[in-house]
Amino acid sequence: MKINEFDVTPEKIKGRTVEEIVVTDKAVVIKFKDGTFLDIYLDQHGALKTSTKIS
């Protein structure tokens, strides 16, 4: 399975209001009020990764 990598830039999330934050031992997920998500996580090799879904 191919892994997609995403560039998350501050300009894309600047000014959005945080609705919820979930923290686990391997990930942080931030949900913004407009439906945008920012994921920060460790992959299966322990490398730090980010992904986002912008509404």
N, C-alpha and C. Protein backbone atom coordinates (compact mmCIF):
# COMPACT_ATOMS: atom_id res chain seq x y z
N MET A 1 0.85 -1.18 0.00
CA MET A 1 0.00 0.00 0.00
C MET A 1 0.89 1.24 0.00
N LYS A 2 0.59 2.18 -0.84
CA LYS A 2 1.35 3.42 -0.93
C LYS A 2 0.94 4.37 0.19
N ILE A 3 1.94 4.99 0.81
CA ILE A 3 1.69 5.95 1.87
C ILE A 3 1.74 7.36 1.29
N ASN A 4 0.70 8.14 1.54
CA ASN A 4 0.67 9.52 1.08
C ASN A 4 1.31 10.41 2.14
N GLU A 5 2.12 11.36 1.70
CA GLU A 5 2.71 12.32 2.61
C GLU A 5 2.14 13.70 2.29
N PHE A 6 1.90 14.48 3.33
CA PHE A 6 1.30 15.79 3.16
C PHE A 6 2.17 16.84 3.81
N ASP A 7 2.22 18.01 3.22
CA ASP A 7 2.90 19.14 3.83
C ASP A 7 1.85 19.97 4.55
N VAL A 8 2.06 20.17 5.82
CA VAL A 8 1.16 20.99 6.61
C VAL A 8 1.88 22.30 6.88
N THR A 9 1.31 23.40 6.40
CA THR A 9 1.94 24.70 6.60
C THR A 9 1.09 25.54 7.54
N PRO A 10 1.74 26.34 8.38
CA PRO A 10 0.99 27.17 9.33
C PRO A 10 -0.04 28.08 8.67
N GLU A 11 0.24 28.53 7.47
CA GLU A 11 -0.68 29.45 6.78
C GLU A 11 -2.04 28.80 6.53
N LYS A 12 -2.06 27.47 6.37
CA LYS A 12 -3.32 26.79 6.07
C LYS A 12 -4.22 26.64 7.29
N ILE A 13 -3.65 26.70 8.49
CA ILE A 13 -4.46 26.54 9.70
C ILE A 13 -4.50 27.78 10.58
N LYS A 14 -3.75 28.79 10.21
CA LYS A 14 -3.70 30.02 11.00
C LYS A 14 -5.09 30.68 11.04
N GLY A 15 -5.49 31.09 12.22
CA GLY A 15 -6.76 31.78 12.38
C GLY A 15 -7.95 30.87 12.61
N ARG A 16 -7.75 29.56 12.52
CA ARG A 16 -8.86 28.62 12.78
C ARG A 16 -9.01 28.42 14.28
N THR A 17 -10.23 28.13 14.71
CA THR A 17 -10.52 27.94 16.12
C THR A 17 -10.54 26.44 16.44
N VAL A 18 -9.78 26.05 17.47
CA VAL A 18 -9.73 24.64 17.87
C VAL A 18 -11.02 24.26 18.58
N GLU A 19 -11.59 23.13 18.16
CA GLU A 19 -12.80 22.60 18.79
C GLU A 19 -12.47 21.49 19.77
N GLU A 20 -11.52 20.61 19.39
CA GLU A 20 -11.21 19.45 20.22
C GLU A 20 -9.79 18.99 19.95
N ILE A 21 -9.12 18.47 20.98
CA ILE A 21 -7.78 17.90 20.85
C ILE A 21 -7.80 16.53 21.52
N VAL A 22 -7.27 15.52 20.80
CA VAL A 22 -7.16 14.17 21.35
C VAL A 22 -5.68 13.79 21.34
N VAL A 23 -5.19 13.31 22.48
CA VAL A 23 -3.78 12.94 22.61
C VAL A 23 -3.69 11.48 23.03
N THR A 24 -2.87 10.69 22.28
CA THR A 24 -2.58 9.32 22.67
C THR A 24 -1.06 9.18 22.79
N ASP A 25 -0.59 7.98 23.06
CA ASP A 25 0.85 7.79 23.19
C ASP A 25 1.58 7.90 21.85
N LYS A 26 0.87 7.80 20.73
CA LYS A 26 1.53 7.87 19.42
C LYS A 26 0.95 8.91 18.48
N ALA A 27 -0.03 9.69 18.95
CA ALA A 27 -0.66 10.66 18.04
C ALA A 27 -1.32 11.80 18.79
N VAL A 28 -1.44 12.92 18.06
CA VAL A 28 -2.23 14.07 18.51
C VAL A 28 -3.12 14.44 17.33
N VAL A 29 -4.40 14.56 17.59
CA VAL A 29 -5.35 14.96 16.54
C VAL A 29 -6.03 16.23 17.01
N ILE A 30 -5.98 17.25 16.17
CA ILE A 30 -6.62 18.53 16.47
C ILE A 30 -7.77 18.73 15.49
N LYS A 31 -8.96 18.95 16.03
CA LYS A 31 -10.13 19.22 15.20
C LYS A 31 -10.47 20.70 15.37
N PHE A 32 -10.61 21.38 14.24
CA PHE A 32 -10.98 22.79 14.25
C PHE A 32 -12.48 22.92 14.03
N LYS A 33 -13.05 24.06 14.44
CA LYS A 33 -14.51 24.27 14.36
C LYS A 33 -15.05 24.21 12.94
N ASP A 34 -14.19 24.47 11.93
CA ASP A 34 -14.66 24.42 10.54
C ASP A 34 -14.56 23.03 9.92
N GLY A 35 -14.24 22.01 10.73
CA GLY A 35 -14.16 20.64 10.23
C GLY A 35 -12.78 20.22 9.76
N THR A 36 -11.80 21.10 9.83
CA THR A 36 -10.43 20.77 9.46
C THR A 36 -9.80 19.94 10.56
N PHE A 37 -8.98 18.95 10.17
CA PHE A 37 -8.26 18.11 11.12
C PHE A 37 -6.76 18.24 10.86
N LEU A 38 -5.97 18.22 11.93
CA LEU A 38 -4.52 18.15 11.84
C LEU A 38 -4.08 16.97 12.68
N ASP A 39 -3.40 16.01 12.05
CA ASP A 39 -2.91 14.81 12.73
C ASP A 39 -1.39 14.88 12.82
N ILE A 40 -0.84 14.63 13.98
CA ILE A 40 0.59 14.54 14.19
C ILE A 40 0.80 13.18 14.85
N TYR A 41 1.60 12.31 14.20
CA TYR A 41 1.67 10.94 14.68
C TYR A 41 3.02 10.30 14.39
N LEU A 42 3.29 9.18 15.06
CA LEU A 42 4.47 8.38 14.78
C LEU A 42 4.06 7.25 13.84
N ASP A 43 4.79 7.07 12.75
CA ASP A 43 4.48 5.96 11.85
C ASP A 43 5.05 4.65 12.41
N GLN A 44 4.91 3.56 11.67
CA GLN A 44 5.33 2.24 12.16
C GLN A 44 6.83 2.14 12.41
N HIS A 45 7.62 3.09 11.88
CA HIS A 45 9.08 3.10 12.09
C HIS A 45 9.49 4.10 13.16
N GLY A 46 8.52 4.79 13.75
CA GLY A 46 8.81 5.77 14.79
C GLY A 46 9.14 7.16 14.28
N ALA A 47 8.94 7.39 12.98
CA ALA A 47 9.18 8.72 12.40
C ALA A 47 7.96 9.61 12.62
N LEU A 48 8.21 10.87 12.95
CA LEU A 48 7.13 11.83 13.16
C LEU A 48 6.54 12.25 11.82
N LYS A 49 5.22 12.19 11.69
CA LYS A 49 4.51 12.53 10.45
C LYS A 49 3.37 13.47 10.76
N THR A 50 2.91 14.17 9.74
CA THR A 50 1.73 15.03 9.86
C THR A 50 0.82 14.78 8.67
N SER A 51 -0.44 14.99 8.87
CA SER A 51 -1.40 14.98 7.77
C SER A 51 -2.53 15.92 8.15
N THR A 52 -3.28 16.32 7.14
CA THR A 52 -4.38 17.24 7.41
C THR A 52 -5.52 16.98 6.44
N LYS A 53 -6.71 17.31 6.88
CA LYS A 53 -7.89 17.33 6.04
C LYS A 53 -8.47 18.73 6.22
N ILE A 54 -8.37 19.54 5.19
CA ILE A 54 -8.85 20.91 5.28
C ILE A 54 -10.21 21.01 4.63
N SER A 55 -11.15 21.57 5.37
CA SER A 55 -12.52 21.76 4.86
C SER A 55 -12.61 23.08 4.13
